[in-house]
Amino acid sequence: WSNPLTIIKLENLVKKMENPDANFMQSSVLTLEMLQKDTHKGVGIMK
């Protein structure tokens, strides 16, 4: 959780770093969420 500008900075950092075997998604302008790689709502739905 953070302010919108810091969340953008964090997103840019994620894009530049070596893949930490995770899936990232912005759920609002104030939040960035992290799940295990290849995990998202669609995976649960298809299960």
All heavy atoms as atom14 arrays in JSON, in Angstrom:
{
  "sequence": "WSNPLTIIKLENLVKKMENPDANFMQSSVLTLEMLQKDTHKGVGIMK",
  "atom14_mask": [
    [1, 1, 1, 1, 1, 1, 1, 1, 1, 1, 1, 1, 1, 1],
    [1, 1, 1, 1, 1, 1, 0, 0, 0, 0, 0, 0, 0, 0],
    [1, 1, 1, 1, 1, 1, 1, 1, 0, 0, 0, 0, 0, 0],
    [1, 1, 1, 1, 1, 1, 1, 0, 0, 0, 0, 0, 0, 0],
    [1, 1, 1, 1, 1, 1, 1, 1, 0, 0, 0, 0, 0, 0],
    [1, 1, 1, 1, 1, 1, 1, 0, 0, 0, 0, 0, 0, 0],
    [1, 1, 1, 1, 1, 1, 1, 1, 0, 0, 0, 0, 0, 0],
    [1, 1, 1, 1, 1, 1, 1, 1, 0, 0, 0, 0, 0, 0],
    [1, 1, 1, 1, 1, 1, 1, 1, 1, 0, 0, 0, 0, 0],
    [1, 1, 1, 1, 1, 1, 1, 1, 0, 0, 0, 0, 0, 0],
    [1, 1, 1, 1, 1, 1, 1, 1, 1, 0, 0, 0, 0, 0],
    [1, 1, 1, 1, 1, 1, 1, 1, 0, 0, 0, 0, 0, 0],
    [1, 1, 1, 1, 1, 1, 1, 1, 0, 0, 0, 0, 0, 0],
    [1, 1, 1, 1, 1, 1, 1, 0, 0, 0, 0, 0, 0, 0],
    [1, 1, 1, 1, 1, 1, 1, 1, 1, 0, 0, 0, 0, 0],
    [1, 1, 1, 1, 1, 1, 1, 1, 1, 0, 0, 0, 0, 0],
    [1, 1, 1, 1, 1, 1, 1, 1, 0, 0, 0, 0, 0, 0],
    [1, 1, 1, 1, 1, 1, 1, 1, 1, 0, 0, 0, 0, 0],
    [1, 1, 1, 1, 1, 1, 1, 1, 0, 0, 0, 0, 0, 0],
    [1, 1, 1, 1, 1, 1, 1, 0, 0, 0, 0, 0, 0, 0],
    [1, 1, 1, 1, 1, 1, 1, 1, 0, 0, 0, 0, 0, 0],
    [1, 1, 1, 1, 1, 0, 0, 0, 0, 0, 0, 0, 0, 0],
    [1, 1, 1, 1, 1, 1, 1, 1, 0, 0, 0, 0, 0, 0],
    [1, 1, 1, 1, 1, 1, 1, 1, 1, 1, 1, 0, 0, 0],
    [1, 1, 1, 1, 1, 1, 1, 1, 0, 0, 0, 0, 0, 0],
    [1, 1, 1, 1, 1, 1, 1, 1, 1, 0, 0, 0, 0, 0],
    [1, 1, 1, 1, 1, 1, 0, 0, 0, 0, 0, 0, 0, 0],
    [1, 1, 1, 1, 1, 1, 0, 0, 0, 0, 0, 0, 0, 0],
    [1, 1, 1, 1, 1, 1, 1, 0, 0, 0, 0, 0, 0, 0],
    [1, 1, 1, 1, 1, 1, 1, 1, 0, 0, 0, 0, 0, 0],
    [1, 1, 1, 1, 1, 1, 1, 0, 0, 0, 0, 0, 0, 0],
    [1, 1, 1, 1, 1, 1, 1, 1, 0, 0, 0, 0, 0, 0],
    [1, 1, 1, 1, 1, 1, 1, 1, 1, 0, 0, 0, 0, 0],
    [1, 1, 1, 1, 1, 1, 1, 1, 0, 0, 0, 0, 0, 0],
    [1, 1, 1, 1, 1, 1, 1, 1, 0, 0, 0, 0, 0, 0],
    [1, 1, 1, 1, 1, 1, 1, 1, 1, 0, 0, 0, 0, 0],
    [1, 1, 1, 1, 1, 1, 1, 1, 1, 0, 0, 0, 0, 0],
    [1, 1, 1, 1, 1, 1, 1, 1, 0, 0, 0, 0, 0, 0],
    [1, 1, 1, 1, 1, 1, 1, 0, 0, 0, 0, 0, 0, 0],
    [1, 1, 1, 1, 1, 1, 1, 1, 1, 1, 0, 0, 0, 0],
    [1, 1, 1, 1, 1, 1, 1, 1, 1, 0, 0, 0, 0, 0],
    [1, 1, 1, 1, 0, 0, 0, 0, 0, 0, 0, 0, 0, 0],
    [1, 1, 1, 1, 1, 1, 1, 0, 0, 0, 0, 0, 0, 0],
    [1, 1, 1, 1, 0, 0, 0, 0, 0, 0, 0, 0, 0, 0],
    [1, 1, 1, 1, 1, 1, 1, 1, 0, 0, 0, 0, 0, 0],
    [1, 1, 1, 1, 1, 1, 1, 1, 0, 0, 0, 0, 0, 0],
    [1, 1, 1, 1, 1, 1, 1, 1, 1, 0, 0, 0, 0, 0]
  ],
  "atom14_positions": [
    [[0.84, -1.19, 0.0], [0.0, 0.0, 0.0], [0.88, 1.25, 0.0], [1.86, 1.32, 0.75], [-0.86, 0.08, 1.26], [-1.96, -0.9, 1.44], [-3.24, -0.82, 0.98], [-1.91, -2.11, 2.22], [-3.99, -1.89, 1.41], [-3.19, -2.7, 2.18], [-0.91, -2.75, 2.96], [-3.5, -3.88, 2.83], [-1.21, -3.94, 3.6], [-2.5, -4.5, 3.53]],
    [[0.53, 2.24, -0.79], [1.23, 3.52, -0.72], [0.49, 4.56, -1.56], [-0.59, 4.29, -2.1], [2.67, 3.37, -1.23], [3.42, 4.54, -0.9], [0.0, 0.0, 0.0], [0.0, 0.0, 0.0], [0.0, 0.0, 0.0], [0.0, 0.0, 0.0], [0.0, 0.0, 0.0], [0.0, 0.0, 0.0], [0.0, 0.0, 0.0], [0.0, 0.0, 0.0]],
    [[1.08, 5.74, -1.69], [0.49, 6.78, -2.52], [0.7, 6.42, -3.99], [1.57, 5.6, -4.32], [1.12, 8.13, -2.2], [2.62, 8.15, -2.47], [3.05, 8.21, -3.62], [3.43, 8.08, -1.42], [0.0, 0.0, 0.0], [0.0, 0.0, 0.0], [0.0, 0.0, 0.0], [0.0, 0.0, 0.0], [0.0, 0.0, 0.0], [0.0, 0.0, 0.0]],
    [[-0.09, 6.98, -4.9], [-0.02, 6.59, -6.32], [1.37, 6.71, -6.95], [1.79, 5.83, -7.71], [-1.01, 7.56, -6.99], [-2.0, 7.87, -5.93], [-1.21, 7.93, -4.66], [0.0, 0.0, 0.0], [0.0, 0.0, 0.0], [0.0, 0.0, 0.0], [0.0, 0.0, 0.0], [0.0, 0.0, 0.0], [0.0, 0.0, 0.0], [0.0, 0.0, 0.0]],
    [[2.12, 7.75, -6.63], [3.44, 7.93, -7.22], [4.41, 6.84, -6.76], [5.2, 6.32, -7.56], [4.0, 9.31, -6.86], [3.31, 10.51, -7.52], [3.94, 11.82, -7.04], [3.4, 10.41, -9.05], [0.0, 0.0, 0.0], [0.0, 0.0, 0.0], [0.0, 0.0, 0.0], [0.0, 0.0, 0.0], [0.0, 0.0, 0.0], [0.0, 0.0, 0.0]],
    [[4.34, 6.47, -5.5], [5.22, 5.43, -4.99], [4.84, 4.07, -5.55], [5.71, 3.24, -5.84], [5.19, 5.4, -3.44], [5.57, 6.69, -2.95], [6.15, 4.37, -2.9], [0.0, 0.0, 0.0], [0.0, 0.0, 0.0], [0.0, 0.0, 0.0], [0.0, 0.0, 0.0], [0.0, 0.0, 0.0], [0.0, 0.0, 0.0], [0.0, 0.0, 0.0]],
    [[3.54, 3.82, -5.72], [3.1, 2.56, -6.32], [3.64, 2.44, -7.75], [4.1, 1.37, -8.17], [1.56, 2.46, -6.31], [1.05, 2.27, -4.88], [1.08, 1.31, -7.21], [1.5, 0.97, -4.21], [0.0, 0.0, 0.0], [0.0, 0.0, 0.0], [0.0, 0.0, 0.0], [0.0, 0.0, 0.0], [0.0, 0.0, 0.0], [0.0, 0.0, 0.0]],
    [[3.64, 3.54, -8.49], [4.19, 3.53, -9.86], [5.69, 3.23, -9.82], [6.2, 2.44, -10.63], [3.93, 4.89, -10.55], [2.44, 5.05, -10.84], [4.73, 4.98, -11.85], [2.05, 6.42, -11.35], [0.0, 0.0, 0.0], [0.0, 0.0, 0.0], [0.0, 0.0, 0.0], [0.0, 0.0, 0.0], [0.0, 0.0, 0.0], [0.0, 0.0, 0.0]],
    [[6.41, 3.83, -8.87], [7.84, 3.56, -8.72], [8.08, 2.09, -8.4], [9.01, 1.47, -8.92], [8.43, 4.44, -7.62], [8.5, 5.91, -7.95], [9.07, 6.71, -6.79], [9.12, 8.2, -7.1], [9.65, 8.99, -5.96], [0.0, 0.0, 0.0], [0.0, 0.0, 0.0], [0.0, 0.0, 0.0], [0.0, 0.0, 0.0], [0.0, 0.0, 0.0]],
    [[7.24, 1.54, -7.54], [7.38, 0.13, -7.17], [7.1, -0.78, -8.36], [7.8, -1.77, -8.58], [6.43, -0.19, -6.01], [6.5, -1.6, -5.4], [7.94, -1.94, -5.01], [5.59, -1.7, -4.2], [0.0, 0.0, 0.0], [0.0, 0.0, 0.0], [0.0, 0.0, 0.0], [0.0, 0.0, 0.0], [0.0, 0.0, 0.0], [0.0, 0.0, 0.0]],
    [[6.08, -0.43, -9.15], [5.78, -1.2, -10.37], [6.95, -1.18, -11.34], [7.31, -2.2, -11.93], [4.54, -0.63, -11.06], [3.23, -1.09, -10.47], [2.07, -0.72, -11.38], [1.92, 0.48, -11.69], [1.32, -1.62, -11.79], [0.0, 0.0, 0.0], [0.0, 0.0, 0.0], [0.0, 0.0, 0.0], [0.0, 0.0, 0.0], [0.0, 0.0, 0.0]],
    [[7.56, -0.02, -11.52], [8.71, 0.1, -12.41], [9.89, -0.71, -11.91], [10.63, -1.31, -12.71], [9.11, 1.57, -12.57], [8.1, 2.38, -13.35], [7.36, 1.82, -14.16], [8.05, 3.68, -13.13], [0.0, 0.0, 0.0], [0.0, 0.0, 0.0], [0.0, 0.0, 0.0], [0.0, 0.0, 0.0], [0.0, 0.0, 0.0], [0.0, 0.0, 0.0]],
    [[10.07, -0.75, -10.61], [11.13, -1.57, -10.02], [10.9, -3.04, -10.32], [11.82, -3.77, -10.7], [11.18, -1.33, -8.51], [12.12, -2.26, -7.74], [13.56, -1.94, -8.07], [11.89, -2.13, -6.23], [0.0, 0.0, 0.0], [0.0, 0.0, 0.0], [0.0, 0.0, 0.0], [0.0, 0.0, 0.0], [0.0, 0.0, 0.0], [0.0, 0.0, 0.0]],
    [[9.66, -3.49, -10.17], [9.31, -4.89, -10.43], [9.64, -5.26, -11.87], [10.18, -6.34, -12.15], [7.82, -5.13, -10.12], [7.36, -6.47, -10.69], [7.56, -5.06, -8.63], [0.0, 0.0, 0.0], [0.0, 0.0, 0.0], [0.0, 0.0, 0.0], [0.0, 0.0, 0.0], [0.0, 0.0, 0.0], [0.0, 0.0, 0.0], [0.0, 0.0, 0.0]],
    [[9.32, -4.36, -12.8], [9.56, -4.64, -14.22], [11.04, -4.78, -14.54], [11.43, -5.54, -15.44], [8.95, -3.53, -15.07], [7.43, -3.49, -15.04], [6.89, -2.27, -15.78], [5.38, -2.19, -15.67], [4.84, -0.96, -16.33], [0.0, 0.0, 0.0], [0.0, 0.0, 0.0], [0.0, 0.0, 0.0], [0.0, 0.0, 0.0], [0.0, 0.0, 0.0]],
    [[11.89, -4.07, -13.8], [13.33, -4.07, -14.08], [14.07, -5.22, -13.4], [15.14, -5.62, -13.84], [13.95, -2.74, -13.63], [13.47, -1.54, -14.42], [14.07, -0.25, -13.86], [13.55, 0.96, -14.61], [14.09, 2.23, -14.03], [0.0, 0.0, 0.0], [0.0, 0.0, 0.0], [0.0, 0.0, 0.0], [0.0, 0.0, 0.0], [0.0, 0.0, 0.0]],
    [[13.47, -5.75, -12.33], [14.17, -6.77, -11.55], [14.02, -8.16, -12.15], [13.1, -8.43, -12.92], [13.66, -6.77, -10.11], [14.03, -5.54, -9.32], [13.65, -5.7, -7.58], [14.8, -6.99, -7.1], [0.0, 0.0, 0.0], [0.0, 0.0, 0.0], [0.0, 0.0, 0.0], [0.0, 0.0, 0.0], [0.0, 0.0, 0.0], [0.0, 0.0, 0.0]],
    [[14.92, -9.03, -11.76], [14.84, -10.43, -12.16], [13.53, -11.01, -11.64], [13.12, -10.72, -10.51], [16.02, -11.21, -11.6], [16.06, -12.68, -12.0], [17.24, -13.41, -11.4], [18.15, -12.74, -10.88], [17.25, -14.65, -11.46], [0.0, 0.0, 0.0], [0.0, 0.0, 0.0], [0.0, 0.0, 0.0], [0.0, 0.0, 0.0], [0.0, 0.0, 0.0]],
    [[12.87, -11.82, -12.44], [11.57, -12.37, -12.07], [11.63, -13.1, -10.73], [12.33, -14.1, -10.59], [11.12, -13.34, -13.17], [9.7, -13.84, -12.93], [9.07, -13.51, -11.93], [9.21, -14.65, -13.85], [0.0, 0.0, 0.0], [0.0, 0.0, 0.0], [0.0, 0.0, 0.0], [0.0, 0.0, 0.0], [0.0, 0.0, 0.0], [0.0, 0.0, 0.0]],
    [[10.88, -12.61, -9.73], [10.9, -13.27, -8.41], [9.91, -14.43, -8.32], [9.44, -14.75, -7.23], [10.5, -12.13, -7.47], [9.58, -11.29, -8.28], [10.1, -11.35, -9.7], [0.0, 0.0, 0.0], [0.0, 0.0, 0.0], [0.0, 0.0, 0.0], [0.0, 0.0, 0.0], [0.0, 0.0, 0.0], [0.0, 0.0, 0.0], [0.0, 0.0, 0.0]],
    [[9.57, -15.03, -9.48], [8.64, -16.17, -9.5], [7.28, -15.77, -8.94], [6.69, -16.49, -8.13], [9.23, -17.35, -8.72], [8.57, -18.68, -9.09], [8.05, -18.79, -10.21], [8.57, -19.6, -8.26], [0.0, 0.0, 0.0], [0.0, 0.0, 0.0], [0.0, 0.0, 0.0], [0.0, 0.0, 0.0], [0.0, 0.0, 0.0], [0.0, 0.0, 0.0]],
    [[6.81, -14.59, -9.35], [5.56, -14.06, -8.8], [4.76, -13.35, -9.88], [5.27, -13.0, -10.94], [5.87, -13.1, -7.66], [0.0, 0.0, 0.0], [0.0, 0.0, 0.0], [0.0, 0.0, 0.0], [0.0, 0.0, 0.0], [0.0, 0.0, 0.0], [0.0, 0.0, 0.0], [0.0, 0.0, 0.0], [0.0, 0.0, 0.0], [0.0, 0.0, 0.0]],
    [[3.49, -13.13, -9.57], [2.58, -12.41, -10.45], [2.15, -11.13, -9.74], [1.73, -11.17, -8.59], [1.35, -13.28, -10.76], [0.38, -12.62, -11.7], [0.77, -11.83, -12.55], [-0.91, -12.91, -11.54], [0.0, 0.0, 0.0], [0.0, 0.0, 0.0], [0.0, 0.0, 0.0], [0.0, 0.0, 0.0], [0.0, 0.0, 0.0], [0.0, 0.0, 0.0]],
    [[2.28, -9.99, -10.41], [1.94, -8.7, -9.81], [0.74, -8.08, -10.54], [0.6, -8.22, -11.74], [3.12, -7.73, -9.9], [4.3, -8.14, -9.07], [5.27, -8.98, -9.59], [4.44, -7.7, -7.76], [6.37, -9.37, -8.83], [5.52, -8.08, -6.99], [6.49, -8.91, -7.53], [0.0, 0.0, 0.0], [0.0, 0.0, 0.0], [0.0, 0.0, 0.0]],
    [[-0.1, -7.38, -9.78], [-1.24, -6.68, -10.37], [-1.57, -5.46, -9.54], [-1.46, -5.49, -8.31], [-2.45, -7.6, -10.47], [-3.03, -8.04, -9.14], [-4.28, -9.33, -9.31], [-3.24, -10.74, -9.65], [0.0, 0.0, 0.0], [0.0, 0.0, 0.0], [0.0, 0.0, 0.0], [0.0, 0.0, 0.0], [0.0, 0.0, 0.0], [0.0, 0.0, 0.0]],
    [[-1.95, -4.38, -10.2], [-2.38, -3.18, -9.5], [-3.88, -3.27, -9.28], [-4.65, -3.27, -10.23], [-2.02, -1.92, -10.3], [-2.29, -0.64, -9.53], [-1.89, 0.61, -10.29], [-1.33, 0.54, -11.37], [-2.18, 1.77, -9.72], [0.0, 0.0, 0.0], [0.0, 0.0, 0.0], [0.0, 0.0, 0.0], [0.0, 0.0, 0.0], [0.0, 0.0, 0.0]],
    [[-4.3, -3.36, -8.02], [-5.72, -3.51, -7.72], [-6.41, -2.17, -7.46], [-7.63, -2.1, -7.38], [-5.91, -4.43, -6.51], [-5.07, -4.05, -5.45], [0.0, 0.0, 0.0], [0.0, 0.0, 0.0], [0.0, 0.0, 0.0], [0.0, 0.0, 0.0], [0.0, 0.0, 0.0], [0.0, 0.0, 0.0], [0.0, 0.0, 0.0], [0.0, 0.0, 0.0]],
    [[-5.6, -1.1, -7.29], [-6.12, 0.26, -7.21], [-4.92, 1.19, -7.39], [-3.78, 0.73, -7.47], [-6.81, 0.52, -5.86], [-5.85, 0.73, -4.85], [0.0, 0.0, 0.0], [0.0, 0.0, 0.0], [0.0, 0.0, 0.0], [0.0, 0.0, 0.0], [0.0, 0.0, 0.0], [0.0, 0.0, 0.0], [0.0, 0.0, 0.0], [0.0, 0.0, 0.0]],
    [[-5.17, 2.48, -7.41], [-4.04, 3.42, -7.54], [-3.18, 3.44, -6.29], [-2.07, 3.98, -6.29], [-4.55, 4.85, -7.86], [-5.25, 4.89, -9.2], [-5.46, 5.36, -6.74], [0.0, 0.0, 0.0], [0.0, 0.0, 0.0], [0.0, 0.0, 0.0], [0.0, 0.0, 0.0], [0.0, 0.0, 0.0], [0.0, 0.0, 0.0], [0.0, 0.0, 0.0]],
    [[-3.67, 2.83, -5.22], [-2.97, 2.84, -3.93], [-2.38, 1.48, -3.57], [-1.74, 1.35, -2.51], [-3.93, 3.27, -2.81], [-4.59, 4.64, -2.97], [-5.63, 4.85, -1.88], [-3.56, 5.75, -2.94], [0.0, 0.0, 0.0], [0.0, 0.0, 0.0], [0.0, 0.0, 0.0], [0.0, 0.0, 0.0], [0.0, 0.0, 0.0], [0.0, 0.0, 0.0]],
    [[-2.59, 0.47, -4.41], [-2.17, -0.88, -4.04], [-1.55, -1.65, -5.2], [-2.0, -1.56, -6.34], [-3.36, -1.7, -3.51], [-4.42, -1.66, -4.47], [-3.85, -1.19, -2.18], [0.0, 0.0, 0.0], [0.0, 0.0, 0.0], [0.0, 0.0, 0.0], [0.0, 0.0, 0.0], [0.0, 0.0, 0.0], [0.0, 0.0, 0.0], [0.0, 0.0, 0.0]],
    [[-0.52, -2.41, -4.86], [0.06, -3.37, -5.79], [0.03, -4.72, -5.09], [0.47, -4.84, -3.93], [1.51, -2.99, -6.14], [2.21, -3.9, -7.15], [1.58, -3.76, -8.53], [3.71, -3.58, -7.21], [0.0, 0.0, 0.0], [0.0, 0.0, 0.0], [0.0, 0.0, 0.0], [0.0, 0.0, 0.0], [0.0, 0.0, 0.0], [0.0, 0.0, 0.0]],
    [[-0.51, -5.73, -5.77], [-0.64, -7.04, -5.15], [0.3, -8.05, -5.8], [0.63, -7.95, -6.98], [-2.09, -7.53, -5.24], [-3.07, -6.58, -4.56], [-4.42, -7.2, -4.29], [-4.54, -8.45, -4.36], [-5.36, -6.44, -3.99], [0.0, 0.0, 0.0], [0.0, 0.0, 0.0], [0.0, 0.0, 0.0], [0.0, 0.0, 0.0], [0.0, 0.0, 0.0]],
    [[0.71, -9.02, -5.01], [1.65, -10.04, -5.46], [1.11, -11.43, -5.11], [0.66, -11.67, -3.99], [3.0, -9.82, -4.78], [4.01, -10.93, -4.99], [5.54, -10.58, -4.06], [6.29, -12.2, -4.1], [0.0, 0.0, 0.0], [0.0, 0.0, 0.0], [0.0, 0.0, 0.0], [0.0, 0.0, 0.0], [0.0, 0.0, 0.0], [0.0, 0.0, 0.0]],
    [[1.13, -12.31, -6.1], [0.73, -13.71, -5.94], [1.84, -14.59, -6.47], [2.78, -14.12, -7.1], [-0.57, -13.99, -6.71], [-1.8, -13.16, -6.36], [-2.86, -13.34, -7.44], [-2.36, -13.56, -5.02], [0.0, 0.0, 0.0], [0.0, 0.0, 0.0], [0.0, 0.0, 0.0], [0.0, 0.0, 0.0], [0.0, 0.0, 0.0], [0.0, 0.0, 0.0]],
    [[1.72, -15.88, -6.21], [2.65, -16.82, -6.82], [2.52, -16.74, -8.35], [1.46, -16.41, -8.88], [2.37, -18.25, -6.34], [3.22, -19.35, -6.95], [4.72, -19.18, -6.67], [5.12, -18.39, -5.82], [5.54, -19.94, -7.39], [0.0, 0.0, 0.0], [0.0, 0.0, 0.0], [0.0, 0.0, 0.0], [0.0, 0.0, 0.0], [0.0, 0.0, 0.0]],
    [[3.59, -17.0, -9.06], [3.59, -16.95, -10.52], [2.45, -17.79, -11.1], [2.15, -18.88, -10.6], [4.93, -17.45, -11.06], [5.1, -17.29, -12.56], [6.48, -17.75, -13.0], [6.65, -17.58, -14.5], [8.0, -18.04, -14.95], [0.0, 0.0, 0.0], [0.0, 0.0, 0.0], [0.0, 0.0, 0.0], [0.0, 0.0, 0.0], [0.0, 0.0, 0.0]],
    [[1.83, -17.26, -12.16], [0.72, -17.93, -12.84], [-0.49, -18.14, -11.94], [-1.26, -19.09, -12.13], [1.17, -19.28, -13.43], [2.26, -19.13, -14.47], [2.23, -18.13, -15.21], [3.15, -20.0, -14.53], [0.0, 0.0, 0.0], [0.0, 0.0, 0.0], [0.0, 0.0, 0.0], [0.0, 0.0, 0.0], [0.0, 0.0, 0.0], [0.0, 0.0, 0.0]],
    [[-0.67, -17.25, -10.98], [-1.84, -17.31, -10.1], [-2.65, -16.02, -10.27], [-2.09, -14.92, -10.18], [-1.43, -17.46, -8.63], [-0.64, -18.63, -8.47], [-2.65, -17.56, -7.73], [0.0, 0.0, 0.0], [0.0, 0.0, 0.0], [0.0, 0.0, 0.0], [0.0, 0.0, 0.0], [0.0, 0.0, 0.0], [0.0, 0.0, 0.0], [0.0, 0.0, 0.0]],
    [[-3.93, -16.16, -10.55], [-4.84, -15.02, -10.64], [-6.27, -15.56, -10.56], [-6.49, -16.78, -10.5], [-4.61, -14.22, -11.92], [-4.57, -15.04, -13.18], [-5.71, -15.55, -13.77], [-3.53, -15.45, -13.95], [-5.38, -16.23, -14.86], [-4.06, -16.19, -15.0], [0.0, 0.0, 0.0], [0.0, 0.0, 0.0], [0.0, 0.0, 0.0], [0.0, 0.0, 0.0]],
    [[-7.24, -14.66, -10.54], [-8.64, -15.07, -10.41], [-9.05, -16.08, -11.47], [-9.8, -17.02, -11.21], [-9.57, -13.85, -10.48], [-9.51, -12.92, -9.3], [-10.45, -11.73, -9.51], [-10.39, -10.74, -8.38], [-11.25, -9.55, -8.63], [0.0, 0.0, 0.0], [0.0, 0.0, 0.0], [0.0, 0.0, 0.0], [0.0, 0.0, 0.0], [0.0, 0.0, 0.0]],
    [[-8.54, -15.89, -12.69], [-8.91, -16.8, -13.78], [-8.49, -18.23, -13.53], [-9.2, -19.17, -13.91], [0.0, 0.0, 0.0], [0.0, 0.0, 0.0], [0.0, 0.0, 0.0], [0.0, 0.0, 0.0], [0.0, 0.0, 0.0], [0.0, 0.0, 0.0], [0.0, 0.0, 0.0], [0.0, 0.0, 0.0], [0.0, 0.0, 0.0], [0.0, 0.0, 0.0]],
    [[-7.35, -18.42, -12.88], [-6.88, -19.78, -12.56], [-7.85, -20.44, -11.6], [-8.25, -21.61, -11.78], [-5.46, -19.73, -11.96], [-5.05, -21.11, -11.45], [-4.46, -19.22, -12.98], [0.0, 0.0, 0.0], [0.0, 0.0, 0.0], [0.0, 0.0, 0.0], [0.0, 0.0, 0.0], [0.0, 0.0, 0.0], [0.0, 0.0, 0.0], [0.0, 0.0, 0.0]],
    [[-8.26, -19.7, -10.55], [-9.22, -20.25, -9.59], [-10.56, -20.56, -10.23], [-11.19, -21.58, -9.94], [0.0, 0.0, 0.0], [0.0, 0.0, 0.0], [0.0, 0.0, 0.0], [0.0, 0.0, 0.0], [0.0, 0.0, 0.0], [0.0, 0.0, 0.0], [0.0, 0.0, 0.0], [0.0, 0.0, 0.0], [0.0, 0.0, 0.0], [0.0, 0.0, 0.0]],
    [[-11.0, -19.68, -11.13], [-12.28, -19.9, -11.82], [-12.25, -21.16, -12.66], [-13.18, -21.97, -12.63], [-12.63, -18.68, -12.7], [-12.97, -17.48, -11.83], [-13.79, -19.0, -13.64], [-13.13, -16.18, -12.59], [0.0, 0.0, 0.0], [0.0, 0.0, 0.0], [0.0, 0.0, 0.0], [0.0, 0.0, 0.0], [0.0, 0.0, 0.0], [0.0, 0.0, 0.0]],
    [[-11.17, -21.37, -13.4], [-11.1, -22.54, -14.26], [-10.92, -23.83, -13.44], [-11.36, -24.9, -13.87], [-9.98, -22.38, -15.28], [-10.23, -21.25, -16.29], [-11.91, -21.2, -17.0], [-11.99, -22.79, -17.81], [0.0, 0.0, 0.0], [0.0, 0.0, 0.0], [0.0, 0.0, 0.0], [0.0, 0.0, 0.0], [0.0, 0.0, 0.0], [0.0, 0.0, 0.0]],
    [[-10.3, -23.73, -12.27], [-10.24, -24.89, -11.36], [-11.66, -25.28, -10.97], [-12.01, -26.46, -10.95], [-9.43, -24.54, -10.11], [-7.94, -24.46, -10.31], [-7.31, -25.85, -10.35], [-5.8, -25.74, -10.47], [-5.16, -27.07, -10.58], [0.0, 0.0, 0.0], [0.0, 0.0, 0.0], [0.0, 0.0, 0.0], [0.0, 0.0, 0.0], [0.0, 0.0, 0.0]]
  ]
}
